[in-house]
Amino acid sequence: MIDREEITIIGHLPSPAAAAPATAGEGGAQAAGGAATVTESTAEPSGAEAEAAAIGRSRRFREETRDVRIDIAREAEHTFRRKVSWGVICDDRKVMFTTLSIPVMTRLRQSERRVLDTLVDAGVARSRSDALAWCVRLVGEHEDSWLSDLREVLRQVEQVRADGPRA
């Protein structure tokens, strides 16, 4: 993803279960003759176990690739004049390593400020800024298809402008 300030790079990691197949001694049993036999476990890990494994896999990847990611980020930041943020998706769990938090100025009328103040007073957000970010995330989650359609139309408008007469 790219916006005016930041390029976000998100990689996909294989499931920890797929990345580490069982070997003798891990879930296996010793046969009488000393040869190892592997027993396959058909039990799926619980939700908490699967989440912990995915987060652990993501953290390990973060540490193992830190130097390479820093080199790539430096080059990309120099070339594109934007900061680079990193994250991964493992077992449908997104883990962001780095992200920017950019201040955005806005003008709000009293009724709009009351919405933010209600969220703060109710303990949903710590500040008006957090409340506004919460509202933006909520709209983004619930109106994803509408926002996707809007972005597509904007791309078409940009293409028409680029193809139009030069002033």
N, C-alpha and C. Protein backbone atom coordinates (compact mmCIF):
# COMPACT_ATOMS: atom_id res chain seq x y z
N MET A 1 0.84 -1.16 0.00
CA MET A 1 0.00 0.00 0.00
C MET A 1 0.90 1.24 0.00
N ILE A 2 0.42 2.26 -0.66
CA ILE A 2 1.18 3.50 -0.74
C ILE A 2 0.23 4.67 -0.51
N ASP A 3 0.67 5.63 0.29
CA ASP A 3 -0.04 6.89 0.38
C ASP A 3 0.98 8.01 0.26
N ARG A 4 0.62 9.21 0.62
CA ARG A 4 1.51 10.36 0.42
C ARG A 4 2.77 10.31 1.27
N GLU A 5 2.69 9.66 2.44
CA GLU A 5 3.83 9.65 3.34
C GLU A 5 4.53 8.31 3.47
N GLU A 6 3.86 7.21 3.16
CA GLU A 6 4.35 5.91 3.58
C GLU A 6 4.10 4.83 2.53
N ILE A 7 5.06 3.92 2.43
CA ILE A 7 4.91 2.70 1.62
C ILE A 7 4.85 1.55 2.62
N THR A 8 3.80 0.76 2.57
CA THR A 8 3.65 -0.37 3.47
C THR A 8 3.88 -1.66 2.70
N ILE A 9 4.85 -2.44 3.17
CA ILE A 9 5.18 -3.72 2.55
C ILE A 9 4.73 -4.83 3.51
N ILE A 10 3.84 -5.70 3.03
CA ILE A 10 3.33 -6.78 3.86
C ILE A 10 3.64 -8.11 3.17
N GLY A 11 4.42 -8.94 3.84
CA GLY A 11 4.75 -10.25 3.31
C GLY A 11 3.81 -11.31 3.86
N HIS A 12 3.79 -12.46 3.23
CA HIS A 12 2.97 -13.58 3.68
C HIS A 12 3.89 -14.71 4.11
N LEU A 13 3.72 -15.16 5.35
CA LEU A 13 4.53 -16.25 5.89
C LEU A 13 3.71 -17.54 5.89
N PRO A 14 4.38 -18.67 5.66
CA PRO A 14 3.66 -19.94 5.75
C PRO A 14 3.24 -20.19 7.20
N SER A 15 2.21 -20.98 7.35
CA SER A 15 1.72 -21.36 8.66
C SER A 15 2.85 -22.01 9.46
N PRO A 16 2.95 -21.75 10.77
CA PRO A 16 3.98 -22.42 11.56
C PRO A 16 3.85 -23.94 11.49
N ALA A 17 2.66 -24.46 11.38
CA ALA A 17 2.46 -25.90 11.29
C ALA A 17 3.05 -26.44 9.98
N ALA A 18 2.87 -25.70 8.89
CA ALA A 18 3.41 -26.12 7.59
C ALA A 18 4.92 -25.92 7.52
N ALA A 19 5.43 -24.93 8.26
CA ALA A 19 6.86 -24.62 8.21
C ALA A 19 7.70 -25.58 9.03
N ALA A 20 7.10 -26.26 10.02
CA ALA A 20 7.87 -27.14 10.90
C ALA A 20 7.19 -28.50 10.99
N PRO A 21 7.43 -29.39 10.01
CA PRO A 21 6.81 -30.70 10.08
C PRO A 21 7.35 -31.51 11.25
N ALA A 22 6.53 -32.42 11.74
CA ALA A 22 6.93 -33.25 12.89
C ALA A 22 8.09 -34.16 12.50
N THR A 23 9.02 -34.34 13.42
CA THR A 23 10.15 -35.26 13.22
C THR A 23 10.15 -36.25 14.35
N ALA A 24 10.98 -37.27 14.23
CA ALA A 24 11.09 -38.25 15.32
C ALA A 24 11.50 -37.54 16.58
N GLY A 25 10.86 -37.87 17.65
CA GLY A 25 11.17 -37.22 18.91
C GLY A 25 10.20 -36.08 19.18
N GLU A 26 9.60 -35.51 18.13
CA GLU A 26 8.60 -34.47 18.30
C GLU A 26 7.26 -35.11 18.01
N GLY A 27 6.57 -35.51 19.00
CA GLY A 27 5.28 -36.14 18.82
C GLY A 27 5.40 -37.59 18.38
N GLY A 28 6.60 -38.13 18.37
CA GLY A 28 6.81 -39.51 17.93
C GLY A 28 7.05 -40.41 19.12
N ALA A 29 7.14 -41.68 18.85
CA ALA A 29 7.39 -42.64 19.92
C ALA A 29 8.54 -43.54 19.49
N GLN A 30 9.33 -44.02 20.43
CA GLN A 30 10.43 -44.92 20.14
C GLN A 30 9.90 -46.35 20.04
N ALA A 31 10.27 -47.01 18.96
CA ALA A 31 9.91 -48.42 18.81
C ALA A 31 10.89 -49.26 19.61
N ALA A 32 10.57 -50.51 19.86
CA ALA A 32 11.42 -51.38 20.68
C ALA A 32 12.81 -51.54 20.11
N GLY A 33 12.96 -51.56 18.78
CA GLY A 33 14.28 -51.76 18.17
C GLY A 33 15.10 -50.50 18.10
N GLY A 34 14.64 -49.38 18.66
CA GLY A 34 15.40 -48.14 18.65
C GLY A 34 15.09 -47.26 17.46
N ALA A 35 14.33 -47.75 16.48
CA ALA A 35 13.97 -46.92 15.33
C ALA A 35 12.83 -46.00 15.72
N ALA A 36 12.89 -44.81 15.22
CA ALA A 36 11.85 -43.84 15.55
C ALA A 36 10.67 -44.01 14.62
N THR A 37 9.51 -43.94 15.18
CA THR A 37 8.30 -43.91 14.36
C THR A 37 7.58 -42.61 14.64
N VAL A 38 7.08 -42.01 13.61
CA VAL A 38 6.43 -40.72 13.76
C VAL A 38 4.93 -40.94 13.79
N THR A 39 4.31 -40.39 14.80
CA THR A 39 2.85 -40.43 14.86
C THR A 39 2.34 -39.07 14.44
N GLU A 40 1.36 -39.06 13.59
CA GLU A 40 0.82 -37.79 13.12
C GLU A 40 -0.32 -37.38 14.01
N SER A 41 -0.27 -36.16 14.44
CA SER A 41 -1.33 -35.62 15.28
C SER A 41 -2.39 -35.02 14.38
N THR A 42 -3.63 -35.44 14.61
CA THR A 42 -4.72 -34.88 13.82
C THR A 42 -5.41 -33.75 14.55
N ALA A 43 -5.00 -33.49 15.77
CA ALA A 43 -5.63 -32.43 16.55
C ALA A 43 -5.15 -31.07 16.04
N GLU A 44 -6.10 -30.22 15.79
CA GLU A 44 -5.78 -28.84 15.39
C GLU A 44 -5.43 -28.06 16.64
N PRO A 45 -4.47 -27.13 16.54
CA PRO A 45 -4.17 -26.29 17.70
C PRO A 45 -5.36 -25.40 18.02
N SER A 46 -5.51 -25.09 19.30
CA SER A 46 -6.61 -24.21 19.70
C SER A 46 -6.38 -22.83 19.12
N GLY A 47 -7.40 -21.99 19.17
CA GLY A 47 -7.29 -20.63 18.64
C GLY A 47 -6.15 -19.86 19.28
N ALA A 48 -6.03 -19.99 20.60
CA ALA A 48 -4.96 -19.27 21.30
C ALA A 48 -3.59 -19.83 20.92
N GLU A 49 -3.49 -21.15 20.80
CA GLU A 49 -2.20 -21.76 20.42
C GLU A 49 -1.82 -21.37 19.01
N ALA A 50 -2.78 -21.40 18.10
CA ALA A 50 -2.51 -21.03 16.71
C ALA A 50 -2.09 -19.57 16.61
N GLU A 51 -2.76 -18.72 17.36
CA GLU A 51 -2.41 -17.30 17.34
C GLU A 51 -1.01 -17.09 17.91
N ALA A 52 -0.70 -17.75 19.01
CA ALA A 52 0.64 -17.61 19.61
C ALA A 52 1.72 -18.12 18.66
N ALA A 53 1.45 -19.23 17.97
CA ALA A 53 2.43 -19.76 17.01
C ALA A 53 2.64 -18.80 15.85
N ALA A 54 1.55 -18.20 15.34
CA ALA A 54 1.66 -17.25 14.22
C ALA A 54 2.41 -15.99 14.65
N ILE A 55 2.13 -15.51 15.84
CA ILE A 55 2.82 -14.32 16.34
C ILE A 55 4.30 -14.62 16.56
N GLY A 56 4.60 -15.79 17.12
CA GLY A 56 6.00 -16.19 17.31
C GLY A 56 6.74 -16.31 16.00
N ARG A 57 6.10 -16.91 15.00
CA ARG A 57 6.70 -17.04 13.66
C ARG A 57 6.96 -15.66 13.07
N SER A 58 6.02 -14.74 13.26
CA SER A 58 6.16 -13.37 12.74
C SER A 58 7.32 -12.65 13.43
N ARG A 59 7.41 -12.79 14.73
CA ARG A 59 8.51 -12.14 15.48
C ARG A 59 9.87 -12.70 15.07
N ARG A 60 9.94 -14.02 14.88
CA ARG A 60 11.19 -14.65 14.45
C ARG A 60 11.60 -14.12 13.08
N PHE A 61 10.63 -14.03 12.16
CA PHE A 61 10.90 -13.49 10.83
C PHE A 61 11.39 -12.05 10.93
N ARG A 62 10.76 -11.28 11.81
CA ARG A 62 11.16 -9.87 11.98
C ARG A 62 12.62 -9.78 12.39
N GLU A 63 13.03 -10.56 13.36
CA GLU A 63 14.41 -10.52 13.84
C GLU A 63 15.38 -11.03 12.79
N GLU A 64 15.03 -12.12 12.10
CA GLU A 64 15.93 -12.73 11.13
C GLU A 64 16.14 -11.86 9.89
N THR A 65 15.19 -10.99 9.58
CA THR A 65 15.28 -10.19 8.35
C THR A 65 15.54 -8.71 8.60
N ARG A 66 15.79 -8.35 9.84
CA ARG A 66 15.93 -6.93 10.19
C ARG A 66 16.95 -6.20 9.32
N ASP A 67 18.17 -6.72 9.19
CA ASP A 67 19.23 -6.02 8.44
C ASP A 67 18.86 -5.86 6.97
N VAL A 68 18.31 -6.91 6.38
CA VAL A 68 17.92 -6.84 4.96
C VAL A 68 16.79 -5.83 4.77
N ARG A 69 15.82 -5.85 5.67
CA ARG A 69 14.69 -4.90 5.56
C ARG A 69 15.16 -3.46 5.72
N ILE A 70 16.12 -3.23 6.60
CA ILE A 70 16.65 -1.87 6.78
C ILE A 70 17.33 -1.40 5.50
N ASP A 71 18.12 -2.26 4.88
CA ASP A 71 18.78 -1.89 3.62
C ASP A 71 17.76 -1.57 2.53
N ILE A 72 16.74 -2.41 2.41
CA ILE A 72 15.70 -2.18 1.39
C ILE A 72 14.96 -0.87 1.69
N ALA A 73 14.63 -0.64 2.95
CA ALA A 73 13.91 0.57 3.33
C ALA A 73 14.72 1.82 3.01
N ARG A 74 16.02 1.81 3.33
CA ARG A 74 16.86 2.98 3.04
C ARG A 74 16.86 3.31 1.55
N GLU A 75 17.01 2.28 0.73
CA GLU A 75 17.02 2.49 -0.71
C GLU A 75 15.66 2.98 -1.21
N ALA A 76 14.60 2.38 -0.74
CA ALA A 76 13.25 2.79 -1.17
C ALA A 76 12.93 4.20 -0.69
N GLU A 77 13.30 4.54 0.54
CA GLU A 77 13.03 5.89 1.06
C GLU A 77 13.78 6.94 0.26
N HIS A 78 15.01 6.62 -0.14
CA HIS A 78 15.78 7.54 -0.97
C HIS A 78 15.15 7.68 -2.36
N THR A 79 14.73 6.58 -2.94
CA THR A 79 14.17 6.58 -4.29
C THR A 79 12.79 7.22 -4.35
N PHE A 80 11.90 6.85 -3.41
CA PHE A 80 10.50 7.28 -3.49
C PHE A 80 10.15 8.44 -2.56
N ARG A 81 11.09 8.86 -1.73
CA ARG A 81 10.89 9.96 -0.80
C ARG A 81 9.68 9.74 0.12
N ARG A 82 9.53 8.50 0.56
CA ARG A 82 8.48 8.12 1.51
C ARG A 82 9.09 7.14 2.50
N LYS A 83 8.57 7.11 3.70
CA LYS A 83 9.00 6.14 4.70
C LYS A 83 8.45 4.77 4.33
N VAL A 84 9.15 3.72 4.76
CA VAL A 84 8.73 2.35 4.49
C VAL A 84 8.34 1.68 5.80
N SER A 85 7.16 1.06 5.80
CA SER A 85 6.68 0.30 6.96
C SER A 85 6.59 -1.16 6.57
N TRP A 86 6.72 -2.04 7.56
CA TRP A 86 6.78 -3.48 7.31
C TRP A 86 5.77 -4.23 8.16
N GLY A 87 5.31 -5.35 7.62
CA GLY A 87 4.45 -6.25 8.36
C GLY A 87 4.36 -7.58 7.64
N VAL A 88 3.73 -8.55 8.29
CA VAL A 88 3.51 -9.87 7.69
C VAL A 88 2.11 -10.36 8.03
N ILE A 89 1.67 -11.31 7.21
CA ILE A 89 0.44 -12.03 7.50
C ILE A 89 0.82 -13.49 7.62
N CYS A 90 0.45 -14.08 8.74
CA CYS A 90 0.72 -15.49 9.00
C CYS A 90 -0.56 -16.09 9.58
N ASP A 91 -1.08 -17.12 8.92
CA ASP A 91 -2.34 -17.74 9.36
C ASP A 91 -3.46 -16.71 9.52
N ASP A 92 -3.60 -15.83 8.55
CA ASP A 92 -4.64 -14.79 8.55
C ASP A 92 -4.51 -13.81 9.71
N ARG A 93 -3.33 -13.75 10.33
CA ARG A 93 -3.08 -12.79 11.40
C ARG A 93 -2.05 -11.79 10.91
N LYS A 94 -2.43 -10.54 10.91
CA LYS A 94 -1.55 -9.47 10.42
C LYS A 94 -0.76 -8.90 11.60
N VAL A 95 0.56 -8.85 11.44
CA VAL A 95 1.44 -8.29 12.46
C VAL A 95 2.25 -7.19 11.77
N MET A 96 2.09 -5.96 12.24
CA MET A 96 2.84 -4.84 11.69
C MET A 96 4.08 -4.62 12.55
N PHE A 97 5.23 -4.50 11.88
CA PHE A 97 6.48 -4.26 12.59
C PHE A 97 6.68 -2.77 12.84
N THR A 98 6.46 -2.01 11.82
CA THR A 98 6.65 -0.57 11.91
C THR A 98 5.51 0.11 11.15
N THR A 99 5.03 1.21 11.67
CA THR A 99 4.06 2.03 10.97
C THR A 99 4.26 3.47 11.40
N LEU A 100 3.81 4.37 10.58
CA LEU A 100 3.88 5.78 10.92
C LEU A 100 2.55 6.23 11.49
N SER A 101 2.60 7.22 12.34
CA SER A 101 1.40 7.86 12.84
C SER A 101 1.53 9.33 12.46
N ILE A 102 0.78 9.74 11.46
CA ILE A 102 0.90 11.08 10.88
C ILE A 102 -0.19 11.99 11.43
N PRO A 103 0.18 13.15 11.96
CA PRO A 103 -0.86 14.07 12.42
C PRO A 103 -1.63 14.65 11.22
N VAL A 104 -2.93 14.76 11.39
CA VAL A 104 -3.79 15.29 10.33
C VAL A 104 -4.63 16.41 10.94
N MET A 105 -4.60 17.56 10.31
CA MET A 105 -5.40 18.69 10.79
C MET A 105 -6.80 18.58 10.22
N THR A 106 -7.79 18.89 11.03
CA THR A 106 -9.16 18.87 10.56
C THR A 106 -9.97 19.94 11.28
N ARG A 107 -11.03 20.36 10.64
CA ARG A 107 -11.95 21.32 11.26
C ARG A 107 -13.26 20.59 11.52
N LEU A 108 -13.68 20.63 12.75
CA LEU A 108 -14.91 19.95 13.12
C LEU A 108 -15.90 20.93 13.74
N ARG A 109 -17.15 20.78 13.40
CA ARG A 109 -18.21 21.58 14.01
C ARG A 109 -18.52 21.01 15.39
N GLN A 110 -19.31 21.76 16.16
CA GLN A 110 -19.59 21.38 17.53
C GLN A 110 -20.23 19.98 17.62
N SER A 111 -21.17 19.69 16.75
CA SER A 111 -21.83 18.38 16.81
C SER A 111 -20.83 17.24 16.54
N GLU A 112 -19.88 17.47 15.67
CA GLU A 112 -18.85 16.47 15.38
C GLU A 112 -17.89 16.32 16.55
N ARG A 113 -17.54 17.44 17.18
CA ARG A 113 -16.67 17.38 18.36
C ARG A 113 -17.35 16.66 19.51
N ARG A 114 -18.68 16.82 19.63
CA ARG A 114 -19.43 16.13 20.68
C ARG A 114 -19.36 14.62 20.50
N VAL A 115 -19.37 14.15 19.26
CA VAL A 115 -19.22 12.71 19.01
C VAL A 115 -17.88 12.23 19.55
N LEU A 116 -16.81 12.95 19.23
CA LEU A 116 -15.48 12.57 19.70
C LEU A 116 -15.41 12.64 21.22
N ASP A 117 -15.97 13.69 21.81
CA ASP A 117 -15.94 13.84 23.27
C ASP A 117 -16.73 12.73 23.97
N THR A 118 -17.82 12.28 23.36
CA THR A 118 -18.59 11.16 23.91
C THR A 118 -17.74 9.90 23.94
N LEU A 119 -17.01 9.64 22.86
CA LEU A 119 -16.13 8.46 22.82
C LEU A 119 -15.03 8.55 23.88
N VAL A 120 -14.51 9.74 24.09
CA VAL A 120 -13.48 9.94 25.13
C VAL A 120 -14.09 9.74 26.51
N ASP A 121 -15.25 10.39 26.75
CA ASP A 121 -15.90 10.29 28.07
C ASP A 121 -16.31 8.86 28.39
N ALA A 122 -16.65 8.07 27.37
CA ALA A 122 -17.07 6.68 27.58
C ALA A 122 -15.88 5.74 27.74
N GLY A 123 -14.67 6.26 27.54
CA GLY A 123 -13.49 5.42 27.68
C GLY A 123 -13.15 4.61 26.44
N VAL A 124 -13.84 4.87 25.32
CA VAL A 124 -13.54 4.17 24.07
C VAL A 124 -12.21 4.66 23.51
N ALA A 125 -11.91 5.94 23.73
CA ALA A 125 -10.68 6.54 23.23
C ALA A 125 -10.07 7.39 24.33
N ARG A 126 -8.74 7.58 24.24
CA ARG A 126 -8.04 8.39 25.26
C ARG A 126 -8.11 9.88 24.98
N SER A 127 -8.30 10.23 23.70
CA SER A 127 -8.29 11.64 23.33
C SER A 127 -9.16 11.82 22.09
N ARG A 128 -9.40 13.08 21.73
CA ARG A 128 -10.14 13.34 20.49
C ARG A 128 -9.41 12.75 19.29
N SER A 129 -8.09 12.83 19.31
CA SER A 129 -7.30 12.28 18.21
C SER A 129 -7.51 10.77 18.09
N ASP A 130 -7.46 10.06 19.22
CA ASP A 130 -7.71 8.62 19.21
C ASP A 130 -9.14 8.31 18.78
N ALA A 131 -10.09 9.13 19.22
CA ALA A 131 -11.49 8.92 18.86
C ALA A 131 -11.69 9.09 17.35
N LEU A 132 -11.04 10.08 16.78
CA LEU A 132 -11.15 10.29 15.34
C LEU A 132 -10.51 9.13 14.57
N ALA A 133 -9.36 8.66 15.03
CA ALA A 133 -8.72 7.51 14.38
C ALA A 133 -9.62 6.28 14.50
N TRP A 134 -10.26 6.09 15.64
CA TRP A 134 -11.18 4.97 15.85
C TRP A 134 -12.34 5.06 14.84
N CYS A 135 -12.89 6.25 14.66
CA CYS A 135 -14.00 6.44 13.71
C CYS A 135 -13.55 6.12 12.28
N VAL A 136 -12.37 6.57 11.91
CA VAL A 136 -11.87 6.32 10.56
C VAL A 136 -11.66 4.82 10.35
N ARG A 137 -11.09 4.12 11.36
CA ARG A 137 -10.91 2.66 11.25
C ARG A 137 -12.25 1.96 11.11
N LEU A 138 -13.24 2.39 11.88
CA LEU A 138 -14.56 1.77 11.84
C LEU A 138 -15.21 1.94 10.47
N VAL A 139 -15.12 3.13 9.91
CA VAL A 139 -15.67 3.36 8.57
C VAL A 139 -14.91 2.50 7.57
N GLY A 140 -13.60 2.45 7.68
CA GLY A 140 -12.79 1.65 6.76
C GLY A 140 -13.15 0.18 6.80
N GLU A 141 -13.43 -0.35 7.99
CA GLU A 141 -13.77 -1.77 8.13
C GLU A 141 -15.16 -2.08 7.57
N HIS A 142 -16.10 -1.18 7.79
CA HIS A 142 -17.48 -1.46 7.44
C HIS A 142 -17.89 -0.96 6.05
N GLU A 143 -17.08 -0.16 5.46
CA GLU A 143 -17.42 0.38 4.15
C GLU A 143 -16.35 0.06 3.12
N ASP A 144 -15.68 -1.08 3.29
CA ASP A 144 -14.56 -1.44 2.44
C ASP A 144 -14.92 -1.49 0.97
N SER A 145 -16.05 -2.11 0.63
CA SER A 145 -16.41 -2.21 -0.79
C SER A 145 -16.74 -0.84 -1.37
N TRP A 146 -17.41 0.00 -0.59
CA TRP A 146 -17.73 1.35 -1.07
C TRP A 146 -16.45 2.15 -1.29
N LEU A 147 -15.51 2.06 -0.36
CA LEU A 147 -14.24 2.77 -0.50
C LEU A 147 -13.44 2.24 -1.69
N SER A 148 -13.48 0.93 -1.92
CA SER A 148 -12.80 0.34 -3.08
C SER A 148 -13.39 0.89 -4.38
N ASP A 149 -14.72 0.97 -4.46
CA ASP A 149 -15.37 1.53 -5.65
C ASP A 149 -14.97 2.99 -5.84
N LEU A 150 -14.92 3.73 -4.75
CA LEU A 150 -14.55 5.14 -4.83
C LEU A 150 -13.11 5.31 -5.32
N ARG A 151 -12.20 4.47 -4.82
CA ARG A 151 -10.81 4.54 -5.27
C ARG A 151 -10.68 4.21 -6.76
N GLU A 152 -11.46 3.25 -7.23
CA GLU A 152 -11.44 2.89 -8.65
C GLU A 152 -11.92 4.06 -9.50
N VAL A 153 -12.98 4.72 -9.09
CA VAL A 153 -13.48 5.88 -9.83
C VAL A 153 -12.43 6.99 -9.84
N LEU A 154 -11.76 7.20 -8.72
CA LEU A 154 -10.70 8.22 -8.66
C LEU A 154 -9.56 7.89 -9.62
N ARG A 155 -9.21 6.60 -9.74
CA ARG A 155 -8.17 6.21 -10.71
C ARG A 155 -8.63 6.53 -12.13
N GLN A 156 -9.89 6.30 -12.42
CA GLN A 156 -10.42 6.62 -13.75
C GLN A 156 -10.38 8.12 -14.01
N VAL A 157 -10.71 8.93 -13.00
CA VAL A 157 -10.66 10.39 -13.14
C VAL A 157 -9.22 10.83 -13.41
N GLU A 158 -8.26 10.25 -12.69
CA GLU A 158 -6.85 10.59 -12.92
C GLU A 158 -6.42 10.24 -14.33
N GLN A 159 -6.91 9.10 -14.87
CA GLN A 159 -6.57 8.69 -16.23
C GLN A 159 -7.17 9.66 -17.24
N VAL A 160 -8.41 10.08 -17.04
CA VAL A 160 -9.06 11.03 -17.95
C VAL A 160 -8.31 12.36 -17.93
N ARG A 161 -7.91 12.80 -16.75
CA ARG A 161 -7.13 14.06 -16.65
C ARG A 161 -5.81 13.93 -17.38
N ALA A 162 -5.13 12.78 -17.22
CA ALA A 162 -3.84 12.58 -17.87
C ALA A 162 -4.00 12.52 -19.40
N ASP A 163 -5.10 11.99 -19.90
CA ASP A 163 -5.33 11.88 -21.33
C ASP A 163 -5.88 13.16 -21.94
N GLY A 164 -6.29 14.11 -21.10
CA GLY A 164 -6.93 15.34 -21.59
C GLY A 164 -5.94 16.32 -22.18
N PRO A 165 -6.47 17.46 -22.64
CA PRO A 165 -5.59 18.48 -23.24
C PRO A 165 -4.65 19.09 -22.21
N ARG A 166 -3.50 19.47 -22.68
CA ARG A 166 -2.51 20.10 -21.80
C ARG A 166 -2.75 21.59 -21.79
N ALA A 167 -2.67 22.20 -20.62
CA ALA A 167 -2.90 23.65 -20.50
C ALA A 167 -1.60 24.42 -20.64
